[in-house]
Amino acid sequence: QVQLVESGGGLVQAGGYLRLECAASGRTFSTYCMGWFRQAPGKEREFVAAISRNTQMTYYTDSVKGRFTVFRDNAKNTTYLQMNNLKSEDTALYYCAASPLQLALRMGEFDYWGQGTQVTVSS
């Protein structure tokens, strides 16, 4: 069982930055691929980024490439999403999730989810 708690969301102006954190419970954090998803009002939840268990592979949805960076610190059981040059369309509730696969991209591949942290970008 893995429990995930996100933090770091907030209100920021367009062009600004935020760093989201996802703290995981348990001693098996390094055995999970960690992903970030987001859900805007009236829209479906979508994939944002993921980092493999061994930290060697990362993957991003096209709309955030070059602006967002996902990384993890297995010693701290924490994964991060650094978001730069934020745009109004990045406004959403951001979730982190854990998958037992080496690298997962689809919602159904993730077994554990956090409660989400709100990111609001004002234009």
C-alpha atoms as a PDB file:
ATOM      1  CA  GLN A   1       0.000   0.000   0.000  1.00  0.00           C
ATOM      2  CA  VAL A   2       1.284   3.431  -0.945  1.00  0.00           C
ATOM      3  CA  GLN A   3      -0.156   6.718   0.236  1.00  0.00           C
ATOM      4  CA  LEU A   4       0.579   9.843  -1.765  1.00  0.00           C
ATOM      5  CA  VAL A   5       0.257  13.453  -0.646  1.00  0.00           C
ATOM      6  CA  GLU A   6       0.725  16.325  -3.073  1.00  0.00           C
ATOM      7  CA  SER A   7       1.710  19.865  -2.154  1.00  0.00           C
ATOM      8  CA  GLY A   8       3.046  23.007  -3.765  1.00  0.00           C
ATOM      9  CA  GLY A   9       0.060  24.161  -5.745  1.00  0.00           C
ATOM     10  CA  GLY A  10      -1.164  27.727  -5.716  1.00  0.00           C
ATOM     11  CA  LEU A  11      -2.019  30.830  -7.684  1.00  0.00           C
ATOM     12  CA  VAL A  12       0.628  32.173 -10.043  1.00  0.00           C
ATOM     13  CA  GLN A  13       0.730  34.627 -12.919  1.00  0.00           C
ATOM     14  CA  ALA A  14       1.298  33.475 -16.451  1.00  0.00           C
ATOM     15  CA  GLY A  15       5.009  33.063 -17.101  1.00  0.00           C
ATOM     16  CA  GLY A  16       5.647  32.167 -13.478  1.00  0.00           C
ATOM     17  CA  TYR A  17       6.685  28.884 -11.937  1.00  0.00           C
ATOM     18  CA  LEU A  18       5.703  26.365  -9.298  1.00  0.00           C
ATOM     19  CA  ARG A  19       7.210  23.152  -7.958  1.00  0.00           C
ATOM     20  CA  LEU A  20       4.827  20.418  -6.977  1.00  0.00           C
ATOM     21  CA  GLU A  21       5.864  17.741  -4.542  1.00  0.00           C
ATOM     22  CA  CYS A  22       4.445  14.298  -3.964  1.00  0.00           C
ATOM     23  CA  ALA A  23       5.441  12.567  -0.755  1.00  0.00           C
ATOM     24  CA  ALA A  24       4.948   8.803  -0.579  1.00  0.00           C
ATOM     25  CA  SER A  25       4.603   6.576   2.429  1.00  0.00           C
ATOM     26  CA  GLY A  26       6.185   3.170   2.700  1.00  0.00           C
ATOM     27  CA  ARG A  27       9.632   1.748   2.071  1.00  0.00           C
ATOM     28  CA  THR A  28       9.040   0.621  -1.493  1.00  0.00           C
ATOM     29  CA  PHE A  29       8.917   4.008  -3.216  1.00  0.00           C
ATOM     30  CA  SER A  30      11.809   3.154  -5.517  1.00  0.00           C
ATOM     31  CA  THR A  31       9.869   0.216  -6.946  1.00  0.00           C
ATOM     32  CA  TYR A  32       7.183   2.468  -8.417  1.00  0.00           C
ATOM     33  CA  CYS A  33       7.038   4.555 -11.528  1.00  0.00           C
ATOM     34  CA  MET A  34       5.693   7.975 -10.533  1.00  0.00           C
ATOM     35  CA  GLY A  35       3.361   9.979 -12.718  1.00  0.00           C
ATOM     36  CA  TRP A  36       1.648  13.340 -12.746  1.00  0.00           C
ATOM     37  CA  PHE A  37      -1.813  13.901 -14.152  1.00  0.00           C
ATOM     38  CA  ARG A  38      -4.099  16.915 -14.199  1.00  0.00           C
ATOM     39  CA  GLN A  39      -7.783  17.627 -14.543  1.00  0.00           C
ATOM     40  CA  ALA A  40      -9.191  20.975 -15.561  1.00  0.00           C
ATOM     41  CA  PRO A  41     -12.832  21.899 -14.849  1.00  0.00           C
ATOM     42  CA  GLY A  42     -15.161  20.186 -17.290  1.00  0.00           C
ATOM     43  CA  LYS A  43     -12.368  18.116 -18.806  1.00  0.00           C
ATOM     44  CA  GLU A  44     -11.090  14.598 -18.424  1.00  0.00           C
ATOM     45  CA  ARG A  45      -8.016  13.796 -16.388  1.00  0.00           C
ATOM     46  CA  GLU A  46      -4.942  13.790 -18.605  1.00  0.00           C
ATOM     47  CA  PHE A  47      -1.371  12.560 -18.396  1.00  0.00           C
ATOM     48  CA  VAL A  48       1.305  15.196 -17.784  1.00  0.00           C
ATOM     49  CA  ALA A  49       4.600  13.477 -17.008  1.00  0.00           C
ATOM     50  CA  ALA A  50       6.141  10.315 -15.629  1.00  0.00           C
ATOM     51  CA  ILE A  51       9.492   9.121 -14.340  1.00  0.00           C
ATOM     52  CA  SER A  52      10.607   5.514 -14.276  1.00  0.00           C
ATOM     53  CA  ARG A  53      11.437   3.519 -11.191  1.00  0.00           C
ATOM     54  CA  ASN A  54      15.138   3.692 -11.929  1.00  0.00           C
ATOM     55  CA  THR A  55      14.958   7.452 -12.723  1.00  0.00           C
ATOM     56  CA  GLN A  56      16.518   6.854 -16.146  1.00  0.00           C
ATOM     57  CA  MET A  57      13.438   7.530 -18.224  1.00  0.00           C
ATOM     58  CA  THR A  58      11.028  10.436 -18.272  1.00  0.00           C
ATOM     59  CA  TYR A  59       8.084  11.163 -20.518  1.00  0.00           C
ATOM     60  CA  TYR A  60       5.976  14.261 -21.051  1.00  0.00           C
ATOM     61  CA  THR A  61       2.826  15.190 -22.852  1.00  0.00           C
ATOM     62  CA  ASP A  62       3.597  17.478 -25.773  1.00  0.00           C
ATOM     63  CA  SER A  63       2.010  20.581 -24.281  1.00  0.00           C
ATOM     64  CA  VAL A  64       4.457  20.703 -21.361  1.00  0.00           C
ATOM     65  CA  LYS A  65       7.689  19.617 -23.047  1.00  0.00           C
ATOM     66  CA  GLY A  66      10.429  22.156 -22.474  1.00  0.00           C
ATOM     67  CA  ARG A  67       8.505  23.774 -19.609  1.00  0.00           C
ATOM     68  CA  PHE A  68       7.945  21.003 -17.045  1.00  0.00           C
ATOM     69  CA  THR A  69      10.503  18.676 -15.493  1.00  0.00           C
ATOM     70  CA  VAL A  70       9.722  15.580 -13.461  1.00  0.00           C
ATOM     71  CA  PHE A  71      12.318  14.182 -11.068  1.00  0.00           C
ATOM     72  CA  ARG A  72      12.452  12.127  -7.919  1.00  0.00           C
ATOM     73  CA  ASP A  73      14.505  11.625  -4.791  1.00  0.00           C
ATOM     74  CA  ASN A  74      14.147   8.005  -3.762  1.00  0.00           C
ATOM     75  CA  ALA A  75      15.964   8.653  -0.470  1.00  0.00           C
ATOM     76  CA  LYS A  76      13.213  11.110   0.466  1.00  0.00           C
ATOM     77  CA  ASN A  77      10.326   9.097  -1.018  1.00  0.00           C
ATOM     78  CA  THR A  78       9.382  12.188  -2.988  1.00  0.00           C
ATOM     79  CA  THR A  79       8.732  13.036  -6.592  1.00  0.00           C
ATOM     80  CA  TYR A  80       8.607  16.544  -7.991  1.00  0.00           C
ATOM     81  CA  LEU A  81       7.139  18.410 -10.919  1.00  0.00           C
ATOM     82  CA  GLN A  82       8.952  21.635 -11.725  1.00  0.00           C
ATOM     83  CA  MET A  83       6.646  23.803 -13.818  1.00  0.00           C
ATOM     84  CA  ASN A  84       8.132  26.842 -15.562  1.00  0.00           C
ATOM     85  CA  ASN A  85       6.639  29.388 -17.936  1.00  0.00           C
ATOM     86  CA  LEU A  86       3.163  28.518 -16.770  1.00  0.00           C
ATOM     87  CA  LYS A  87       0.222  29.253 -19.013  1.00  0.00           C
ATOM     88  CA  SER A  88      -3.450  29.760 -18.245  1.00  0.00           C
ATOM     89  CA  GLU A  89      -4.184  26.411 -19.879  1.00  0.00           C
ATOM     90  CA  ASP A  90      -2.082  24.718 -17.203  1.00  0.00           C
ATOM     91  CA  THR A  91      -4.757  25.568 -14.645  1.00  0.00           C
ATOM     92  CA  ALA A  92      -5.986  22.289 -13.180  1.00  0.00           C
ATOM     93  CA  LEU A  93      -6.022  19.979 -10.198  1.00  0.00           C
ATOM     94  CA  TYR A  94      -2.744  18.078 -10.319  1.00  0.00           C
ATOM     95  CA  TYR A  95      -2.475  14.502  -9.099  1.00  0.00           C
ATOM     96  CA  CYS A  96       0.502  12.265  -8.557  1.00  0.00           C
ATOM     97  CA  ALA A  97       0.187   8.533  -8.988  1.00  0.00           C
ATOM     98  CA  ALA A  98       2.272   5.385  -8.529  1.00  0.00           C
ATOM     99  CA  SER A  99       2.572   2.414 -10.873  1.00  0.00           C
ATOM    100  CA  PRO A 100       4.442  -0.870 -10.355  1.00  0.00           C
ATOM    101  CA  LEU A 101       5.604  -0.768 -13.989  1.00  0.00           C
ATOM    102  CA  GLN A 102       9.065   0.481 -14.931  1.00  0.00           C
ATOM    103  CA  LEU A 103       7.442   3.321 -16.867  1.00  0.00           C
ATOM    104  CA  ALA A 104       3.697   3.908 -17.124  1.00  0.00           C
ATOM    105  CA  LEU A 105       1.753   6.487 -19.115  1.00  0.00           C
ATOM    106  CA  ARG A 106      -1.905   5.448 -18.922  1.00  0.00           C
ATOM    107  CA  MET A 107      -4.233   6.096 -16.015  1.00  0.00           C
ATOM    108  CA  GLY A 108      -5.168   2.441 -15.759  1.00  0.00           C
ATOM    109  CA  GLU A 109      -1.532   1.506 -15.170  1.00  0.00           C
ATOM    110  CA  PHE A 110      -1.371   3.482 -11.930  1.00  0.00           C
ATOM    111  CA  ASP A 111      -2.556   1.784  -8.755  1.00  0.00           C
ATOM    112  CA  TYR A 112      -2.264   4.597  -6.210  1.00  0.00           C
ATOM    113  CA  TRP A 113      -3.356   8.219  -6.374  1.00  0.00           C
ATOM    114  CA  GLY A 114      -3.053  11.315  -4.248  1.00  0.00           C
ATOM    115  CA  GLN A 115      -5.855  13.766  -3.509  1.00  0.00           C
ATOM    116  CA  GLY A 116      -4.515  16.466  -5.775  1.00  0.00           C
ATOM    117  CA  THR A 117      -3.177  19.995  -5.457  1.00  0.00           C
ATOM    118  CA  GLN A 118      -4.723  22.958  -7.256  1.00  0.00           C
ATOM    119  CA  VAL A 119      -2.696  25.026  -9.703  1.00  0.00           C
ATOM    120  CA  THR A 120      -4.251  28.241 -10.966  1.00  0.00           C
ATOM    121  CA  VAL A 121      -2.501  30.397 -13.547  1.00  0.00           C
ATOM    122  CA  SER A 122      -3.823  33.888 -14.060  1.00  0.00           C
ATOM    123  CA  SER A 123      -3.352  35.618 -17.387  1.00  0.00           C
END
